[in-house]
Amino acid sequence: MAEEKDNSKLYIGGIILIAVVGVLILKGRETEHLGMQSAPTESTQAAFEAANAKRLATQNIFVE
């Protein structure tokens, strides 16, 4: 009589491996856009300064 090997541990290990690889791929794609955000910082800073100056002007607060 031939004995059958229990492959359930192999299947569970494969599923865990696929899940880990999938998470790593998704995490890599999630952070792709972060490298591109540094380009428009000058215009964002200028817009912030303009809005802050307008806010200060409406509150009659003078900054030296």
N, C-alpha and C. Protein backbone atom coordinates (compact mmCIF):
# COMPACT_ATOMS: atom_id res chain seq x y z
N MET A 1 0.82 -1.16 0.00
CA MET A 1 0.00 0.00 0.00
C MET A 1 0.89 1.25 0.00
N ALA A 2 0.62 2.16 -0.91
CA ALA A 2 1.42 3.38 -1.02
C ALA A 2 0.89 4.44 -0.06
N GLU A 3 1.81 5.06 0.61
CA GLU A 3 1.42 6.10 1.56
C GLU A 3 1.35 7.45 0.84
N GLU A 4 0.34 8.22 1.14
CA GLU A 4 0.20 9.54 0.55
C GLU A 4 0.87 10.57 1.46
N LYS A 5 1.59 11.49 0.84
CA LYS A 5 2.24 12.55 1.62
C LYS A 5 1.21 13.64 1.90
N ASP A 6 1.31 14.21 3.07
CA ASP A 6 0.42 15.30 3.45
C ASP A 6 1.02 16.61 2.91
N ASN A 7 0.39 17.15 1.89
CA ASN A 7 0.91 18.36 1.25
C ASN A 7 0.22 19.63 1.73
N SER A 8 -0.56 19.53 2.79
CA SER A 8 -1.29 20.71 3.24
C SER A 8 -0.34 21.81 3.71
N LYS A 9 0.77 21.43 4.35
CA LYS A 9 1.73 22.44 4.80
C LYS A 9 2.38 23.13 3.60
N LEU A 10 2.61 22.39 2.54
CA LEU A 10 3.18 22.97 1.32
C LEU A 10 2.21 23.95 0.69
N TYR A 11 0.93 23.62 0.65
CA TYR A 11 -0.08 24.53 0.09
C TYR A 11 -0.21 25.80 0.93
N ILE A 12 -0.23 25.65 2.23
CA ILE A 12 -0.34 26.81 3.12
C ILE A 12 0.88 27.70 2.98
N GLY A 13 2.05 27.11 2.90
CA GLY A 13 3.28 27.89 2.69
C GLY A 13 3.27 28.64 1.37
N GLY A 14 2.76 27.99 0.32
CA GLY A 14 2.66 28.65 -0.98
C GLY A 14 1.70 29.83 -0.94
N ILE A 15 0.58 29.67 -0.26
CA ILE A 15 -0.40 30.75 -0.16
C ILE A 15 0.20 31.93 0.62
N ILE A 16 0.91 31.63 1.69
CA ILE A 16 1.55 32.69 2.47
C ILE A 16 2.60 33.41 1.64
N LEU A 17 3.38 32.68 0.88
CA LEU A 17 4.41 33.27 0.03
C LEU A 17 3.78 34.18 -1.02
N ILE A 18 2.71 33.73 -1.65
CA ILE A 18 2.02 34.55 -2.65
C ILE A 18 1.46 35.81 -2.01
N ALA A 19 0.92 35.70 -0.81
CA ALA A 19 0.37 36.87 -0.11
C ALA A 19 1.46 37.88 0.20
N VAL A 20 2.61 37.41 0.66
CA VAL A 20 3.71 38.32 1.01
C VAL A 20 4.23 39.03 -0.25
N VAL A 21 4.41 38.29 -1.32
CA VAL A 21 4.88 38.88 -2.57
C VAL A 21 3.85 39.90 -3.09
N GLY A 22 2.57 39.57 -3.00
CA GLY A 22 1.53 40.50 -3.42
C GLY A 22 1.54 41.78 -2.63
N VAL A 23 1.72 41.68 -1.33
CA VAL A 23 1.77 42.88 -0.48
C VAL A 23 2.98 43.73 -0.84
N LEU A 24 4.12 43.11 -1.08
CA LEU A 24 5.32 43.87 -1.44
C LEU A 24 5.14 44.58 -2.77
N ILE A 25 4.51 43.93 -3.73
CA ILE A 25 4.27 44.56 -5.03
C ILE A 25 3.33 45.75 -4.87
N LEU A 26 2.25 45.56 -4.13
CA LEU A 26 1.30 46.66 -3.93
C LEU A 26 1.93 47.82 -3.16
N LYS A 27 2.75 47.52 -2.18
CA LYS A 27 3.41 48.57 -1.40
C LYS A 27 4.37 49.36 -2.29
N GLY A 28 5.05 48.68 -3.18
CA GLY A 28 5.95 49.36 -4.11
C GLY A 28 5.21 50.29 -5.04
N ARG A 29 4.05 49.86 -5.51
CA ARG A 29 3.25 50.71 -6.39
C ARG A 29 2.63 51.87 -5.64
N GLU A 30 2.36 51.68 -4.36
CA GLU A 30 1.75 52.73 -3.56
C GLU A 30 2.71 53.90 -3.37
N THR A 31 3.99 53.63 -3.29
CA THR A 31 4.96 54.68 -3.01
C THR A 31 5.65 55.21 -4.27
N GLU A 32 5.22 54.79 -5.46
CA GLU A 32 5.83 55.28 -6.70
C GLU A 32 5.69 56.79 -6.85
N HIS A 33 4.54 57.33 -6.49
CA HIS A 33 4.26 58.74 -6.72
C HIS A 33 5.01 59.65 -5.75
N LEU A 34 5.59 59.13 -4.70
CA LEU A 34 6.23 59.99 -3.70
C LEU A 34 7.47 60.68 -4.25
N GLY A 35 8.17 60.07 -5.16
CA GLY A 35 9.36 60.69 -5.74
C GLY A 35 9.03 61.85 -6.64
N MET A 36 7.82 61.92 -7.16
CA MET A 36 7.42 62.97 -8.09
C MET A 36 6.86 64.19 -7.38
N GLN A 37 6.64 64.15 -6.09
CA GLN A 37 6.01 65.26 -5.40
C GLN A 37 6.97 66.39 -5.09
N SER A 38 8.25 66.21 -5.23
CA SER A 38 9.20 67.26 -4.87
C SER A 38 9.26 68.37 -5.91
N ALA A 39 8.83 68.14 -7.14
CA ALA A 39 8.93 69.14 -8.19
C ALA A 39 8.04 70.37 -7.95
N PRO A 40 6.78 70.24 -7.61
CA PRO A 40 5.94 71.43 -7.49
C PRO A 40 6.00 72.11 -6.13
N THR A 41 7.01 71.87 -5.32
CA THR A 41 7.04 72.44 -3.98
C THR A 41 7.24 73.95 -4.00
N GLU A 42 7.95 74.47 -4.98
CA GLU A 42 8.16 75.92 -5.05
C GLU A 42 6.85 76.64 -5.29
N SER A 43 6.03 76.14 -6.20
CA SER A 43 4.75 76.79 -6.47
C SER A 43 3.80 76.61 -5.28
N THR A 44 3.88 75.49 -4.61
CA THR A 44 3.05 75.28 -3.42
C THR A 44 3.47 76.23 -2.31
N GLN A 45 4.76 76.41 -2.13
CA GLN A 45 5.26 77.32 -1.11
C GLN A 45 4.85 78.76 -1.43
N ALA A 46 4.93 79.15 -2.70
CA ALA A 46 4.54 80.51 -3.10
C ALA A 46 3.05 80.72 -2.86
N ALA A 47 2.24 79.72 -3.17
CA ALA A 47 0.80 79.83 -2.94
C ALA A 47 0.49 79.93 -1.45
N PHE A 48 1.21 79.18 -0.64
CA PHE A 48 1.01 79.24 0.81
C PHE A 48 1.37 80.62 1.35
N GLU A 49 2.50 81.15 0.89
CA GLU A 49 2.92 82.47 1.36
C GLU A 49 1.94 83.55 0.95
N ALA A 50 1.40 83.46 -0.27
CA ALA A 50 0.42 84.44 -0.72
C ALA A 50 -0.86 84.35 0.10
N ALA A 51 -1.31 83.14 0.38
CA ALA A 51 -2.53 82.97 1.17
C ALA A 51 -2.30 83.43 2.61
N ASN A 52 -1.13 83.18 3.14
CA ASN A 52 -0.81 83.61 4.50
C ASN A 52 -0.73 85.14 4.58
N ALA A 53 -0.15 85.77 3.57
CA ALA A 53 -0.08 87.23 3.55
C ALA A 53 -1.48 87.83 3.47
N LYS A 54 -2.35 87.23 2.68
CA LYS A 54 -3.73 87.70 2.56
C LYS A 54 -4.45 87.54 3.90
N ARG A 55 -4.22 86.43 4.58
CA ARG A 55 -4.86 86.19 5.87
C ARG A 55 -4.39 87.21 6.89
N LEU A 56 -3.10 87.48 6.90
CA LEU A 56 -2.55 88.46 7.84
C LEU A 56 -3.07 89.86 7.53
N ALA A 57 -3.23 90.18 6.25
CA ALA A 57 -3.70 91.50 5.86
C ALA A 57 -5.15 91.70 6.30
N THR A 58 -5.96 90.67 6.24
CA THR A 58 -7.36 90.83 6.64
C THR A 58 -7.51 90.88 8.15
N GLN A 59 -6.52 90.45 8.89
CA GLN A 59 -6.59 90.48 10.36
C GLN A 59 -5.87 91.68 10.93
N ASN A 60 -5.34 92.54 10.08
CA ASN A 60 -4.58 93.71 10.50
C ASN A 60 -3.40 93.34 11.40
N ILE A 61 -2.72 92.26 11.06
CA ILE A 61 -1.53 91.83 11.78
C ILE A 61 -0.33 92.17 10.91
N PHE A 62 0.58 92.96 11.45
CA PHE A 62 1.74 93.37 10.67
C PHE A 62 2.96 92.62 11.16
N VAL A 63 3.64 91.97 10.22
CA VAL A 63 4.82 91.17 10.53
C VAL A 63 6.03 91.93 10.04
N GLU A 64 7.01 92.09 10.91
CA GLU A 64 8.22 92.83 10.53
C GLU A 64 9.15 91.98 9.74
